[in-house]
N, C-alpha and C. Protein backbone atom coordinates (compact mmCIF):
# COMPACT_ATOMS: atom_id res chain seq x y z
N UNK A 1 49.60 -33.70 34.47
CA UNK A 1 50.54 -32.82 33.84
C UNK A 1 51.96 -33.24 34.17
N UNK A 2 52.10 -34.48 34.62
CA UNK A 2 53.41 -34.94 35.07
C UNK A 2 54.41 -34.96 33.93
N UNK A 3 54.00 -35.40 32.73
CA UNK A 3 54.96 -35.50 31.65
C UNK A 3 54.96 -34.28 30.74
N UNK A 4 54.36 -33.22 31.17
CA UNK A 4 54.26 -32.03 30.32
C UNK A 4 55.45 -31.13 30.53
N UNK A 5 55.97 -30.64 29.47
CA UNK A 5 57.04 -29.66 29.62
C UNK A 5 56.42 -28.26 29.63
N UNK A 6 57.25 -27.31 29.79
CA UNK A 6 56.78 -25.93 29.94
C UNK A 6 55.99 -25.45 28.71
N UNK A 7 56.39 -25.78 27.53
CA UNK A 7 55.69 -25.34 26.31
C UNK A 7 54.32 -26.01 26.21
N UNK A 8 54.22 -27.29 26.69
CA UNK A 8 52.92 -27.96 26.70
C UNK A 8 51.96 -27.25 27.65
N UNK A 9 52.46 -26.85 28.81
CA UNK A 9 51.64 -26.17 29.79
C UNK A 9 51.19 -24.80 29.27
N UNK A 10 52.07 -24.10 28.58
CA UNK A 10 51.73 -22.80 28.01
C UNK A 10 50.68 -22.96 26.92
N UNK A 11 50.85 -23.99 26.09
CA UNK A 11 49.89 -24.25 25.01
C UNK A 11 48.53 -24.60 25.60
N UNK A 12 48.51 -25.47 26.63
CA UNK A 12 47.25 -25.86 27.27
C UNK A 12 46.57 -24.65 27.90
N UNK A 13 47.35 -23.80 28.56
CA UNK A 13 46.81 -22.59 29.18
C UNK A 13 46.22 -21.69 28.10
N UNK A 14 46.88 -21.56 26.97
CA UNK A 14 46.39 -20.74 25.85
C UNK A 14 45.07 -21.27 25.32
N UNK A 15 44.96 -22.60 25.21
CA UNK A 15 43.72 -23.21 24.73
C UNK A 15 42.59 -22.93 25.72
N UNK A 16 42.85 -23.08 27.02
CA UNK A 16 41.85 -22.82 28.05
C UNK A 16 41.39 -21.36 28.01
N UNK A 17 42.35 -20.45 27.87
CA UNK A 17 42.00 -19.02 27.79
C UNK A 17 41.16 -18.75 26.54
N UNK A 18 41.52 -19.38 25.42
CA UNK A 18 40.76 -19.20 24.18
C UNK A 18 39.33 -19.74 24.34
N UNK A 19 39.20 -20.92 24.99
CA UNK A 19 37.87 -21.49 25.23
C UNK A 19 37.04 -20.58 26.14
N UNK A 20 37.67 -20.06 27.17
CA UNK A 20 36.98 -19.14 28.08
C UNK A 20 36.54 -17.89 27.33
N UNK A 21 37.40 -17.35 26.49
CA UNK A 21 37.05 -16.18 25.68
C UNK A 21 35.90 -16.48 24.73
N UNK A 22 35.93 -17.66 24.12
CA UNK A 22 34.86 -18.08 23.21
C UNK A 22 33.55 -18.19 23.96
N UNK A 23 33.58 -18.78 25.16
CA UNK A 23 32.37 -18.91 25.99
C UNK A 23 31.83 -17.53 26.35
N UNK A 24 32.70 -16.60 26.67
CA UNK A 24 32.27 -15.24 27.00
C UNK A 24 31.65 -14.54 25.79
N UNK A 25 32.22 -14.76 24.61
CA UNK A 25 31.65 -14.18 23.39
C UNK A 25 30.25 -14.75 23.14
N UNK A 26 30.09 -16.06 23.31
CA UNK A 26 28.78 -16.68 23.12
C UNK A 26 27.77 -16.10 24.11
N UNK A 27 28.19 -15.95 25.37
CA UNK A 27 27.31 -15.37 26.39
C UNK A 27 26.93 -13.94 26.02
N UNK A 28 27.88 -13.18 25.51
CA UNK A 28 27.62 -11.79 25.12
C UNK A 28 26.64 -11.73 23.94
N UNK A 29 26.82 -12.62 22.96
CA UNK A 29 25.92 -12.66 21.80
C UNK A 29 24.51 -13.04 22.25
N UNK A 30 24.40 -14.00 23.14
CA UNK A 30 23.08 -14.41 23.67
C UNK A 30 22.42 -13.26 24.40
N UNK A 31 23.18 -12.55 25.22
CA UNK A 31 22.65 -11.41 25.94
C UNK A 31 22.17 -10.33 24.97
N UNK A 32 22.93 -10.05 23.94
CA UNK A 32 22.54 -9.05 22.94
C UNK A 32 21.27 -9.49 22.21
N UNK A 33 21.18 -10.78 21.88
CA UNK A 33 19.98 -11.30 21.20
C UNK A 33 18.76 -11.19 22.11
N UNK A 34 18.91 -11.49 23.39
CA UNK A 34 17.81 -11.36 24.34
C UNK A 34 17.37 -9.91 24.47
N UNK A 35 18.33 -9.00 24.51
CA UNK A 35 18.00 -7.57 24.61
C UNK A 35 17.28 -7.09 23.35
N UNK A 36 17.71 -7.57 22.19
CA UNK A 36 17.06 -7.21 20.94
C UNK A 36 15.63 -7.74 20.91
N UNK A 37 15.46 -8.96 21.35
CA UNK A 37 14.12 -9.56 21.39
C UNK A 37 13.21 -8.77 22.33
N UNK A 38 13.72 -8.36 23.46
CA UNK A 38 12.94 -7.55 24.41
C UNK A 38 12.58 -6.21 23.79
N UNK A 39 13.52 -5.59 23.09
CA UNK A 39 13.26 -4.31 22.44
C UNK A 39 12.19 -4.46 21.36
N UNK A 40 12.25 -5.55 20.59
CA UNK A 40 11.25 -5.79 19.56
C UNK A 40 9.88 -6.04 20.18
N UNK A 41 9.83 -6.77 21.27
CA UNK A 41 8.58 -7.03 21.97
C UNK A 41 8.00 -5.72 22.50
N UNK A 42 8.86 -4.87 23.03
CA UNK A 42 8.41 -3.57 23.53
C UNK A 42 7.87 -2.72 22.39
N UNK A 43 8.55 -2.71 21.25
CA UNK A 43 8.09 -1.95 20.09
C UNK A 43 6.74 -2.46 19.61
N UNK A 44 6.59 -3.78 19.57
CA UNK A 44 5.34 -4.40 19.14
C UNK A 44 4.20 -3.99 20.07
N UNK A 45 4.46 -4.05 21.37
CA UNK A 45 3.45 -3.66 22.35
C UNK A 45 3.10 -2.19 22.21
N UNK A 46 4.09 -1.36 21.97
CA UNK A 46 3.86 0.08 21.80
C UNK A 46 3.02 0.35 20.56
N UNK A 47 3.33 -0.32 19.46
CA UNK A 47 2.56 -0.15 18.23
C UNK A 47 1.11 -0.55 18.44
N UNK A 48 0.90 -1.69 19.08
CA UNK A 48 -0.47 -2.15 19.33
C UNK A 48 -1.22 -1.20 20.26
N UNK A 49 -0.54 -0.69 21.27
CA UNK A 49 -1.17 0.28 22.17
C UNK A 49 -1.54 1.55 21.41
N UNK A 50 -0.66 2.01 20.53
CA UNK A 50 -0.94 3.20 19.73
C UNK A 50 -2.12 2.97 18.79
N UNK A 51 -2.15 1.80 18.16
CA UNK A 51 -3.27 1.48 17.28
C UNK A 51 -4.58 1.44 18.06
N UNK A 52 -4.53 0.80 19.21
CA UNK A 52 -5.73 0.70 20.05
C UNK A 52 -6.20 2.09 20.45
N UNK A 53 -5.27 2.92 20.88
CA UNK A 53 -5.60 4.29 21.29
C UNK A 53 -6.19 5.07 20.12
N UNK A 54 -5.55 4.99 18.98
CA UNK A 54 -6.00 5.74 17.80
C UNK A 54 -7.36 5.26 17.33
N UNK A 55 -7.55 3.97 17.34
CA UNK A 55 -8.78 3.42 16.77
C UNK A 55 -9.97 3.41 17.68
N UNK A 56 -9.78 2.99 18.90
CA UNK A 56 -10.94 2.76 19.76
C UNK A 56 -11.21 3.89 20.73
N UNK A 57 -10.25 4.76 20.93
CA UNK A 57 -10.45 5.89 21.84
C UNK A 57 -10.93 7.14 21.11
N UNK A 58 -10.86 7.13 19.80
CA UNK A 58 -11.34 8.26 19.03
C UNK A 58 -12.86 8.41 19.25
N UNK A 59 -13.33 9.61 19.61
CA UNK A 59 -14.76 9.78 19.90
C UNK A 59 -15.68 9.42 18.73
N UNK A 60 -15.27 9.78 17.51
CA UNK A 60 -16.09 9.44 16.34
C UNK A 60 -16.17 7.95 16.12
N UNK A 61 -15.03 7.27 16.25
CA UNK A 61 -15.02 5.82 16.09
C UNK A 61 -15.84 5.15 17.20
N UNK A 62 -15.71 5.65 18.42
CA UNK A 62 -16.47 5.08 19.53
C UNK A 62 -17.97 5.25 19.30
N UNK A 63 -18.36 6.41 18.79
CA UNK A 63 -19.79 6.67 18.55
C UNK A 63 -20.35 5.75 17.48
N UNK A 64 -19.61 5.60 16.38
CA UNK A 64 -20.12 4.76 15.29
C UNK A 64 -20.07 3.29 15.69
N UNK A 65 -19.07 2.89 16.47
CA UNK A 65 -19.02 1.51 16.96
C UNK A 65 -20.22 1.21 17.86
N UNK A 66 -20.62 2.17 18.69
CA UNK A 66 -21.81 1.96 19.53
C UNK A 66 -23.05 1.77 18.66
N UNK A 67 -23.18 2.60 17.64
CA UNK A 67 -24.34 2.47 16.75
C UNK A 67 -24.33 1.13 16.02
N UNK A 68 -23.14 0.69 15.62
CA UNK A 68 -23.03 -0.61 14.94
C UNK A 68 -23.37 -1.72 15.92
N UNK A 69 -22.81 -1.66 17.10
CA UNK A 69 -23.03 -2.72 18.08
C UNK A 69 -24.50 -2.85 18.47
N UNK A 70 -25.19 -1.73 18.58
CA UNK A 70 -26.61 -1.76 18.99
C UNK A 70 -27.55 -1.70 17.79
N UNK A 71 -27.01 -1.92 16.61
CA UNK A 71 -27.78 -1.97 15.37
C UNK A 71 -28.62 -0.71 15.15
N UNK A 72 -28.01 0.44 15.45
CA UNK A 72 -28.69 1.72 15.28
C UNK A 72 -28.21 2.47 14.03
N UNK A 73 -27.20 1.96 13.37
CA UNK A 73 -26.70 2.61 12.17
C UNK A 73 -27.63 2.28 11.01
N UNK A 74 -28.05 3.31 10.30
CA UNK A 74 -28.96 3.14 9.17
C UNK A 74 -28.32 3.71 7.91
N UNK A 75 -28.37 2.92 6.86
CA UNK A 75 -27.92 3.38 5.55
C UNK A 75 -29.18 3.77 4.78
N UNK A 76 -29.54 5.03 4.94
CA UNK A 76 -30.76 5.52 4.32
C UNK A 76 -30.48 6.88 3.67
N UNK A 77 -31.52 7.59 3.30
CA UNK A 77 -31.37 8.87 2.61
C UNK A 77 -30.66 9.93 3.42
N UNK A 78 -30.67 9.80 4.74
CA UNK A 78 -30.01 10.79 5.59
C UNK A 78 -28.55 10.44 5.86
N UNK A 79 -28.11 9.28 5.44
CA UNK A 79 -26.76 8.81 5.75
C UNK A 79 -25.69 9.64 5.02
N UNK A 80 -25.90 9.86 3.72
CA UNK A 80 -24.89 10.56 2.92
C UNK A 80 -24.68 11.99 3.42
N UNK A 81 -23.42 12.32 3.70
CA UNK A 81 -23.08 13.65 4.19
C UNK A 81 -23.29 13.83 5.68
N UNK A 82 -23.67 12.76 6.36
CA UNK A 82 -23.95 12.85 7.80
C UNK A 82 -22.69 12.62 8.63
N UNK A 83 -22.80 12.91 9.91
CA UNK A 83 -21.72 12.62 10.85
C UNK A 83 -21.49 11.11 10.89
N UNK A 84 -22.56 10.33 10.80
CA UNK A 84 -22.40 8.87 10.79
C UNK A 84 -21.56 8.41 9.60
N UNK A 85 -21.79 8.98 8.43
CA UNK A 85 -20.98 8.61 7.26
C UNK A 85 -19.53 9.00 7.49
N UNK A 86 -19.31 10.19 7.98
CA UNK A 86 -17.95 10.66 8.25
C UNK A 86 -17.25 9.73 9.24
N UNK A 87 -17.94 9.38 10.32
CA UNK A 87 -17.35 8.49 11.33
C UNK A 87 -17.13 7.08 10.80
N UNK A 88 -18.07 6.60 9.98
CA UNK A 88 -17.91 5.26 9.42
C UNK A 88 -16.72 5.21 8.48
N UNK A 89 -16.56 6.21 7.65
CA UNK A 89 -15.41 6.25 6.73
C UNK A 89 -14.11 6.29 7.52
N UNK A 90 -14.10 7.09 8.59
CA UNK A 90 -12.89 7.17 9.42
C UNK A 90 -12.61 5.81 10.08
N UNK A 91 -13.65 5.15 10.59
CA UNK A 91 -13.46 3.83 11.22
C UNK A 91 -13.01 2.81 10.19
N UNK A 92 -13.65 2.77 9.05
CA UNK A 92 -13.27 1.80 8.02
C UNK A 92 -11.85 2.07 7.52
N UNK A 93 -11.47 3.33 7.42
CA UNK A 93 -10.10 3.66 7.01
C UNK A 93 -9.09 3.17 8.04
N UNK A 94 -9.43 3.33 9.31
CA UNK A 94 -8.56 2.82 10.37
C UNK A 94 -8.45 1.30 10.28
N UNK A 95 -9.58 0.62 10.12
CA UNK A 95 -9.56 -0.85 10.05
C UNK A 95 -8.83 -1.32 8.78
N UNK A 96 -8.92 -0.55 7.73
CA UNK A 96 -8.18 -0.86 6.50
C UNK A 96 -6.67 -0.75 6.76
N UNK A 97 -6.28 0.26 7.52
CA UNK A 97 -4.87 0.41 7.90
C UNK A 97 -4.40 -0.79 8.71
N UNK A 98 -5.19 -1.18 9.69
CA UNK A 98 -4.83 -2.35 10.51
C UNK A 98 -4.70 -3.58 9.62
N UNK A 99 -5.64 -3.77 8.71
CA UNK A 99 -5.60 -4.92 7.80
C UNK A 99 -4.35 -4.87 6.92
N UNK A 100 -3.98 -3.67 6.48
CA UNK A 100 -2.76 -3.52 5.66
C UNK A 100 -1.52 -3.88 6.47
N UNK A 101 -1.48 -3.48 7.73
CA UNK A 101 -0.33 -3.81 8.58
C UNK A 101 -0.22 -5.32 8.77
N UNK A 102 -1.36 -5.99 8.90
CA UNK A 102 -1.35 -7.45 9.02
C UNK A 102 -0.87 -8.07 7.72
N UNK A 103 -1.41 -7.59 6.60
CA UNK A 103 -1.04 -8.13 5.29
C UNK A 103 0.45 -7.97 5.01
N UNK A 104 1.02 -6.85 5.44
CA UNK A 104 2.45 -6.60 5.27
C UNK A 104 3.30 -7.30 6.33
N UNK A 105 2.63 -7.98 7.26
CA UNK A 105 3.26 -8.71 8.37
C UNK A 105 4.05 -7.78 9.28
N UNK A 106 3.58 -6.53 9.39
CA UNK A 106 4.17 -5.59 10.33
C UNK A 106 3.52 -5.71 11.70
N UNK A 107 2.33 -6.30 11.71
CA UNK A 107 1.60 -6.59 12.94
C UNK A 107 1.11 -8.03 12.82
N UNK A 108 1.21 -8.77 13.91
CA UNK A 108 0.82 -10.18 13.88
C UNK A 108 -0.70 -10.32 13.83
N UNK A 109 -1.16 -11.24 12.99
CA UNK A 109 -2.59 -11.52 12.90
C UNK A 109 -3.17 -11.87 14.26
N UNK A 110 -2.48 -12.70 15.02
CA UNK A 110 -2.99 -13.12 16.34
C UNK A 110 -3.19 -11.92 17.27
N UNK A 111 -2.29 -10.95 17.21
CA UNK A 111 -2.43 -9.76 18.05
C UNK A 111 -3.66 -8.95 17.64
N UNK A 112 -3.83 -8.76 16.34
CA UNK A 112 -4.97 -7.99 15.84
C UNK A 112 -6.27 -8.73 16.14
N UNK A 113 -6.25 -10.03 15.95
CA UNK A 113 -7.44 -10.82 16.24
C UNK A 113 -7.83 -10.68 17.72
N UNK A 114 -6.84 -10.72 18.59
CA UNK A 114 -7.09 -10.61 20.03
C UNK A 114 -7.59 -9.22 20.42
N UNK A 115 -6.95 -8.17 19.91
CA UNK A 115 -7.29 -6.81 20.32
C UNK A 115 -8.48 -6.21 19.57
N UNK A 116 -8.60 -6.50 18.29
CA UNK A 116 -9.59 -5.84 17.46
C UNK A 116 -10.60 -6.79 16.83
N UNK A 117 -10.43 -8.07 17.02
CA UNK A 117 -11.25 -9.06 16.32
C UNK A 117 -12.74 -8.84 16.48
N UNK A 118 -13.19 -8.61 17.70
CA UNK A 118 -14.62 -8.41 17.94
C UNK A 118 -15.13 -7.23 17.12
N UNK A 119 -14.42 -6.12 17.16
CA UNK A 119 -14.86 -4.91 16.47
C UNK A 119 -14.83 -5.09 14.95
N UNK A 120 -13.78 -5.73 14.46
CA UNK A 120 -13.66 -5.95 13.02
C UNK A 120 -14.81 -6.81 12.52
N UNK A 121 -15.11 -7.88 13.22
CA UNK A 121 -16.20 -8.77 12.80
C UNK A 121 -17.55 -8.07 12.95
N UNK A 122 -17.75 -7.35 14.05
CA UNK A 122 -19.02 -6.65 14.26
C UNK A 122 -19.28 -5.63 13.15
N UNK A 123 -18.25 -4.87 12.79
CA UNK A 123 -18.38 -3.88 11.72
C UNK A 123 -18.65 -4.59 10.39
N UNK A 124 -17.91 -5.64 10.12
CA UNK A 124 -18.05 -6.37 8.85
C UNK A 124 -19.44 -6.97 8.70
N UNK A 125 -20.01 -7.49 9.76
CA UNK A 125 -21.31 -8.16 9.70
C UNK A 125 -22.49 -7.19 9.71
N UNK A 126 -22.26 -5.94 10.04
CA UNK A 126 -23.35 -4.98 10.16
C UNK A 126 -24.02 -4.73 8.81
N UNK A 127 -25.33 -4.79 8.78
CA UNK A 127 -26.08 -4.63 7.54
C UNK A 127 -25.84 -3.27 6.88
N UNK A 128 -25.85 -2.20 7.66
CA UNK A 128 -25.65 -0.86 7.10
C UNK A 128 -24.24 -0.74 6.50
N UNK A 129 -23.25 -1.33 7.15
CA UNK A 129 -21.88 -1.29 6.63
C UNK A 129 -21.81 -2.08 5.33
N UNK A 130 -22.46 -3.23 5.29
CA UNK A 130 -22.46 -4.03 4.06
C UNK A 130 -23.14 -3.27 2.91
N UNK A 131 -24.26 -2.58 3.22
CA UNK A 131 -24.94 -1.79 2.20
C UNK A 131 -24.04 -0.65 1.72
N UNK A 132 -23.36 0.00 2.64
CA UNK A 132 -22.47 1.11 2.28
C UNK A 132 -21.33 0.61 1.40
N UNK A 133 -20.73 -0.50 1.78
CA UNK A 133 -19.62 -1.05 0.98
C UNK A 133 -20.11 -1.51 -0.40
N UNK A 134 -21.33 -2.03 -0.47
CA UNK A 134 -21.90 -2.44 -1.76
C UNK A 134 -22.11 -1.21 -2.65
N UNK A 135 -22.58 -0.11 -2.05
CA UNK A 135 -22.75 1.14 -2.80
C UNK A 135 -21.39 1.63 -3.31
N UNK A 136 -20.37 1.53 -2.46
CA UNK A 136 -19.03 1.93 -2.89
C UNK A 136 -18.54 1.06 -4.05
N UNK A 137 -18.84 -0.22 -3.99
CA UNK A 137 -18.43 -1.13 -5.07
C UNK A 137 -19.14 -0.76 -6.38
N UNK A 138 -20.43 -0.45 -6.29
CA UNK A 138 -21.16 -0.03 -7.49
C UNK A 138 -20.58 1.27 -8.05
N UNK A 139 -20.27 2.19 -7.15
CA UNK A 139 -19.69 3.48 -7.58
C UNK A 139 -18.32 3.24 -8.22
N UNK A 140 -17.51 2.40 -7.62
CA UNK A 140 -16.18 2.11 -8.18
C UNK A 140 -16.32 1.52 -9.57
N UNK A 141 -17.28 0.62 -9.73
CA UNK A 141 -17.49 -0.02 -11.04
C UNK A 141 -18.00 0.99 -12.07
N UNK A 142 -19.01 1.76 -11.71
CA UNK A 142 -19.63 2.66 -12.69
C UNK A 142 -18.74 3.85 -13.05
N UNK A 143 -17.91 4.27 -12.12
CA UNK A 143 -17.05 5.43 -12.37
C UNK A 143 -15.61 5.04 -12.65
N UNK A 144 -15.38 3.73 -12.79
CA UNK A 144 -14.04 3.21 -13.06
C UNK A 144 -13.03 3.71 -12.03
N UNK A 145 -13.41 3.59 -10.75
CA UNK A 145 -12.55 3.99 -9.64
C UNK A 145 -11.79 2.77 -9.12
N UNK A 146 -10.70 2.98 -8.39
CA UNK A 146 -9.95 1.85 -7.83
C UNK A 146 -10.82 1.04 -6.86
N UNK A 147 -10.65 -0.25 -6.86
CA UNK A 147 -11.45 -1.14 -6.01
C UNK A 147 -11.15 -0.95 -4.52
N UNK A 148 -9.99 -0.36 -4.19
CA UNK A 148 -9.64 -0.23 -2.78
C UNK A 148 -10.58 0.72 -2.03
N UNK A 149 -11.40 1.49 -2.74
CA UNK A 149 -12.33 2.37 -2.03
C UNK A 149 -13.41 1.58 -1.30
N UNK A 150 -13.48 0.30 -1.55
CA UNK A 150 -14.49 -0.54 -0.89
C UNK A 150 -13.97 -1.16 0.40
N UNK A 151 -12.75 -0.82 0.80
CA UNK A 151 -12.14 -1.34 2.03
C UNK A 151 -12.02 -2.87 1.97
N UNK A 152 -11.44 -3.34 0.87
CA UNK A 152 -11.30 -4.78 0.64
C UNK A 152 -10.39 -5.47 1.64
N UNK A 153 -9.28 -4.85 2.01
CA UNK A 153 -8.37 -5.51 2.95
C UNK A 153 -9.03 -5.69 4.32
N UNK A 154 -9.83 -4.70 4.72
CA UNK A 154 -10.59 -4.83 5.96
C UNK A 154 -11.51 -6.05 5.87
N UNK A 155 -12.23 -6.18 4.74
CA UNK A 155 -13.16 -7.30 4.58
C UNK A 155 -12.42 -8.64 4.59
N UNK A 156 -11.27 -8.69 3.92
CA UNK A 156 -10.48 -9.93 3.91
C UNK A 156 -10.00 -10.29 5.32
N UNK A 157 -9.59 -9.29 6.09
CA UNK A 157 -9.16 -9.55 7.46
C UNK A 157 -10.34 -10.03 8.31
N UNK A 158 -11.49 -9.41 8.14
CA UNK A 158 -12.68 -9.84 8.90
C UNK A 158 -13.02 -11.29 8.57
N UNK A 159 -12.97 -11.65 7.30
CA UNK A 159 -13.27 -13.02 6.90
C UNK A 159 -12.23 -13.99 7.47
N UNK A 160 -11.00 -13.56 7.51
CA UNK A 160 -9.94 -14.42 8.09
C UNK A 160 -10.18 -14.61 9.59
N UNK A 161 -10.57 -13.56 10.28
CA UNK A 161 -10.86 -13.68 11.71
C UNK A 161 -12.06 -14.60 11.93
N UNK A 162 -13.10 -14.41 11.13
CA UNK A 162 -14.28 -15.28 11.26
C UNK A 162 -13.91 -16.73 10.99
N UNK A 163 -13.09 -16.97 10.00
CA UNK A 163 -12.66 -18.33 9.67
C UNK A 163 -11.82 -18.93 10.80
N UNK A 164 -11.01 -18.11 11.42
CA UNK A 164 -10.14 -18.64 12.48
C UNK A 164 -10.95 -19.04 13.72
N UNK A 165 -12.08 -18.39 13.94
CA UNK A 165 -12.91 -18.75 15.09
C UNK A 165 -13.71 -20.02 14.83
N UNK A 166 -13.90 -20.36 13.57
CA UNK A 166 -14.62 -21.60 13.24
C UNK A 166 -13.64 -22.72 12.93
N UNK A 167 -12.36 -22.40 12.88
CA UNK A 167 -11.35 -23.42 12.58
C UNK A 167 -11.09 -23.58 11.10
N UNK A 168 -11.70 -22.74 10.28
CA UNK A 168 -11.52 -22.82 8.82
C UNK A 168 -10.53 -21.79 8.33
N UNK A 169 -9.38 -21.69 8.99
CA UNK A 169 -8.39 -20.68 8.64
C UNK A 169 -7.86 -20.93 7.24
N UNK A 170 -7.93 -19.87 6.38
CA UNK A 170 -7.43 -20.03 5.00
C UNK A 170 -5.94 -20.09 4.94
């Protein structure tokens, strides 16, 4: 700074202060972005915890899942109007909601696959569930009802999960 006059020194000091201010702004923006990311992660975890609580802790869903898992669910003459039908519809409606959230990209597929994948695939593969969904499809066709009564998004999610475990992800 030997050949610098007073105005040069003032200008250099101003530049240094401006650079320091810019660095502080960048640090503040990074901190805000990190806090936002943490808040989003917390919200995602809370949503998944709520879904898990709603879906798997419900006594009716737990009961029908046990019957599905142990192959005790029967689609026979006693099924219609039974507690099993009521619980199955409630479970399928819940799984349809989860599938819709994945389709809308409000919940990550990987998270759903990790938390609910086993249950989704087990329900989808169950013979009684397949028979029930086939009956719903026939009813939708014969009565000109919307196809969504067959829980199509649930089935698509189950197929996607099954494909991802075999490496054939669509």
